């Protein structure tokens, strides 16, 4: 039996705080410097959970964008 036959729905656990920051990250890339220090820490955890993507541009600026789920 395959794992995807056993698991019909896959959800990643998120806290209320993570949900609030994820709502701020829209479908377009936003500079990470626009977020507060606490939000940046939460964004790092969302990146580890693969809910947010981090884009590093050639000029050194960092953008974040919410992944589709």
N, C-alpha and C. Protein backbone atom coordinates (compact mmCIF):
# COMPACT_ATOMS: atom_id res chain seq x y z
N UNK A 1 0.84 -1.17 0.00
CA UNK A 1 0.00 0.00 0.00
C UNK A 1 0.89 1.24 0.00
N UNK A 2 0.53 2.21 -0.80
CA UNK A 2 1.31 3.43 -0.92
C UNK A 2 0.87 4.45 0.14
N UNK A 3 1.79 5.35 0.48
CA UNK A 3 1.51 6.34 1.51
C UNK A 3 0.40 7.29 1.08
N UNK A 4 0.34 7.65 -0.20
CA UNK A 4 -0.72 8.56 -0.64
C UNK A 4 -2.09 7.89 -0.68
N UNK A 5 -2.14 6.57 -0.61
CA UNK A 5 -3.41 5.87 -0.46
C UNK A 5 -3.89 5.92 0.99
N UNK A 6 -2.94 5.97 1.92
CA UNK A 6 -3.29 6.04 3.34
C UNK A 6 -3.69 7.44 3.77
N UNK A 7 -2.97 8.43 3.26
CA UNK A 7 -3.22 9.81 3.64
C UNK A 7 -4.00 10.48 2.51
N UNK A 8 -5.25 10.78 2.78
CA UNK A 8 -6.06 11.41 1.74
C UNK A 8 -5.94 12.93 1.77
N UNK A 9 -5.69 13.48 2.94
CA UNK A 9 -5.56 14.93 3.07
C UNK A 9 -4.32 15.24 3.88
N UNK A 10 -3.48 16.12 3.33
CA UNK A 10 -2.23 16.48 3.99
C UNK A 10 -2.29 17.95 4.39
N UNK A 11 -2.18 18.21 5.69
CA UNK A 11 -2.22 19.58 6.19
C UNK A 11 -0.97 19.86 7.01
N UNK A 12 -0.44 21.06 6.84
CA UNK A 12 0.70 21.50 7.62
C UNK A 12 0.17 22.34 8.77
N UNK A 13 0.55 21.97 9.99
CA UNK A 13 0.07 22.68 11.17
C UNK A 13 0.65 24.09 11.21
N UNK A 14 -0.23 25.06 11.49
CA UNK A 14 0.18 26.47 11.58
C UNK A 14 -0.45 27.08 12.82
N UNK A 15 0.28 27.97 13.43
CA UNK A 15 -0.26 28.71 14.58
C UNK A 15 -1.09 29.88 14.07
N UNK A 16 -1.83 30.51 14.97
CA UNK A 16 -2.62 31.69 14.60
C UNK A 16 -1.71 32.81 14.11
N UNK A 17 -0.56 32.95 14.75
CA UNK A 17 0.39 33.98 14.37
C UNK A 17 0.93 33.72 12.97
N UNK A 18 1.22 32.46 12.66
CA UNK A 18 1.70 32.11 11.33
C UNK A 18 0.62 32.36 10.28
N UNK A 19 -0.63 32.08 10.62
CA UNK A 19 -1.73 32.35 9.68
C UNK A 19 -1.85 33.84 9.38
N UNK A 20 -1.69 34.67 10.40
CA UNK A 20 -1.79 36.12 10.21
C UNK A 20 -0.69 36.64 9.29
N UNK A 21 0.54 36.15 9.49
CA UNK A 21 1.65 36.59 8.64
C UNK A 21 1.49 36.03 7.24
N UNK A 22 1.01 34.80 7.13
CA UNK A 22 0.80 34.20 5.81
C UNK A 22 -0.25 34.98 5.03
N UNK A 23 -1.25 35.52 5.71
CA UNK A 23 -2.25 36.35 5.04
C UNK A 23 -1.63 37.65 4.51
N UNK A 24 -0.62 38.16 5.20
CA UNK A 24 0.07 39.38 4.74
C UNK A 24 0.89 39.12 3.48
N UNK A 25 1.40 37.90 3.34
CA UNK A 25 2.17 37.52 2.15
C UNK A 25 1.17 37.16 1.06
N UNK A 26 1.06 37.99 0.08
CA UNK A 26 0.08 37.77 -0.98
C UNK A 26 0.68 36.93 -2.10
N UNK A 27 0.01 36.93 -3.23
CA UNK A 27 0.48 36.15 -4.38
C UNK A 27 1.56 36.88 -5.17
N UNK A 28 1.92 38.09 -4.74
CA UNK A 28 3.01 38.81 -5.41
C UNK A 28 4.17 38.98 -4.42
N UNK A 29 5.37 39.08 -4.95
CA UNK A 29 6.57 39.16 -4.13
C UNK A 29 6.63 40.48 -3.36
N UNK A 30 6.93 40.38 -2.06
CA UNK A 30 7.01 41.54 -1.17
C UNK A 30 8.41 41.57 -0.56
N UNK A 31 9.05 42.74 -0.49
CA UNK A 31 10.36 42.83 0.17
C UNK A 31 10.25 42.45 1.64
N UNK A 32 11.18 41.65 2.12
CA UNK A 32 11.12 41.18 3.51
C UNK A 32 11.39 42.32 4.49
N UNK A 33 12.06 43.38 4.04
CA UNK A 33 12.37 44.50 4.93
C UNK A 33 11.12 45.27 5.34
N UNK A 34 9.99 45.06 4.64
CA UNK A 34 8.75 45.75 5.00
C UNK A 34 8.07 45.12 6.21
N UNK A 35 8.52 43.94 6.62
CA UNK A 35 7.93 43.25 7.76
C UNK A 35 8.69 43.61 9.04
N UNK A 36 8.01 43.47 10.17
CA UNK A 36 8.66 43.71 11.46
C UNK A 36 9.62 42.56 11.77
N UNK A 37 10.44 42.74 12.80
CA UNK A 37 11.43 41.72 13.18
C UNK A 37 10.72 40.42 13.57
N UNK A 38 9.63 40.52 14.31
CA UNK A 38 8.87 39.33 14.72
C UNK A 38 8.29 38.62 13.51
N UNK A 39 7.73 39.39 12.57
CA UNK A 39 7.17 38.79 11.36
C UNK A 39 8.25 38.10 10.54
N UNK A 40 9.45 38.66 10.51
CA UNK A 40 10.56 38.02 9.78
C UNK A 40 10.91 36.67 10.40
N UNK A 41 10.86 36.59 11.72
CA UNK A 41 11.14 35.33 12.40
C UNK A 41 10.07 34.29 12.03
N UNK A 42 8.83 34.72 11.99
CA UNK A 42 7.73 33.83 11.62
C UNK A 42 7.84 33.43 10.15
N UNK A 43 8.24 34.37 9.30
CA UNK A 43 8.42 34.06 7.88
C UNK A 43 9.50 33.00 7.71
N UNK A 44 10.56 33.05 8.51
CA UNK A 44 11.59 32.01 8.44
C UNK A 44 11.02 30.64 8.75
N UNK A 45 10.11 30.55 9.72
CA UNK A 45 9.50 29.26 10.03
C UNK A 45 8.56 28.83 8.90
N UNK A 46 7.89 29.78 8.27
CA UNK A 46 7.02 29.44 7.14
C UNK A 46 7.83 28.99 5.93
N UNK A 47 9.04 29.52 5.77
CA UNK A 47 9.93 29.08 4.70
C UNK A 47 10.35 27.64 4.95
N UNK A 48 10.68 27.32 6.21
CA UNK A 48 11.06 25.93 6.55
C UNK A 48 9.90 24.96 6.33
N UNK A 49 8.68 25.44 6.52
CA UNK A 49 7.50 24.60 6.31
C UNK A 49 7.06 24.59 4.84
N UNK A 50 7.77 25.30 3.98
CA UNK A 50 7.52 25.38 2.53
C UNK A 50 6.17 26.03 2.23
N UNK A 51 5.74 26.96 3.08
CA UNK A 51 4.52 27.71 2.82
C UNK A 51 4.81 29.06 2.18
N UNK A 52 6.06 29.51 2.31
CA UNK A 52 6.50 30.78 1.74
C UNK A 52 7.82 30.54 1.02
N UNK A 53 7.99 31.19 -0.12
CA UNK A 53 9.25 31.09 -0.87
C UNK A 53 10.05 32.36 -0.69
N UNK A 54 11.35 32.20 -0.62
CA UNK A 54 12.28 33.32 -0.46
C UNK A 54 13.01 33.50 -1.79
N UNK A 55 12.98 34.73 -2.31
CA UNK A 55 13.61 35.04 -3.58
C UNK A 55 14.73 36.05 -3.32
N UNK A 56 15.96 35.70 -3.68
CA UNK A 56 17.10 36.60 -3.51
C UNK A 56 17.45 37.14 -4.88
N UNK A 57 17.39 38.47 -5.02
CA UNK A 57 17.69 39.10 -6.30
C UNK A 57 19.19 39.37 -6.40
N UNK A 58 19.64 39.70 -7.57
CA UNK A 58 21.06 39.93 -7.82
C UNK A 58 21.61 41.10 -7.03
N UNK A 59 20.78 42.11 -6.76
CA UNK A 59 21.24 43.27 -6.01
C UNK A 59 21.26 43.04 -4.51
N UNK A 60 20.92 41.84 -4.07
CA UNK A 60 20.98 41.49 -2.66
C UNK A 60 19.67 41.64 -1.91
N UNK A 61 18.66 42.18 -2.56
CA UNK A 61 17.37 42.33 -1.87
C UNK A 61 16.67 40.97 -1.79
N UNK A 62 15.87 40.80 -0.75
CA UNK A 62 15.18 39.54 -0.50
C UNK A 62 13.68 39.79 -0.59
N UNK A 63 13.01 38.98 -1.38
CA UNK A 63 11.56 39.05 -1.54
C UNK A 63 10.94 37.76 -1.01
N UNK A 64 9.71 37.83 -0.51
CA UNK A 64 8.99 36.64 -0.08
C UNK A 64 7.64 36.59 -0.79
N UNK A 65 7.20 35.38 -1.06
CA UNK A 65 5.92 35.17 -1.73
C UNK A 65 5.29 33.90 -1.16
N UNK A 66 3.98 33.95 -0.94
CA UNK A 66 3.27 32.79 -0.42
C UNK A 66 3.14 31.74 -1.52
N UNK A 67 3.35 30.48 -1.15
CA UNK A 67 3.17 29.39 -2.08
C UNK A 67 1.69 29.05 -2.19
N UNK A 68 1.30 28.46 -3.30
CA UNK A 68 -0.08 28.01 -3.45
C UNK A 68 -0.25 26.72 -2.68
N UNK A 69 -1.39 26.62 -2.01
CA UNK A 69 -1.68 25.37 -1.28
C UNK A 69 -3.15 25.10 -1.28
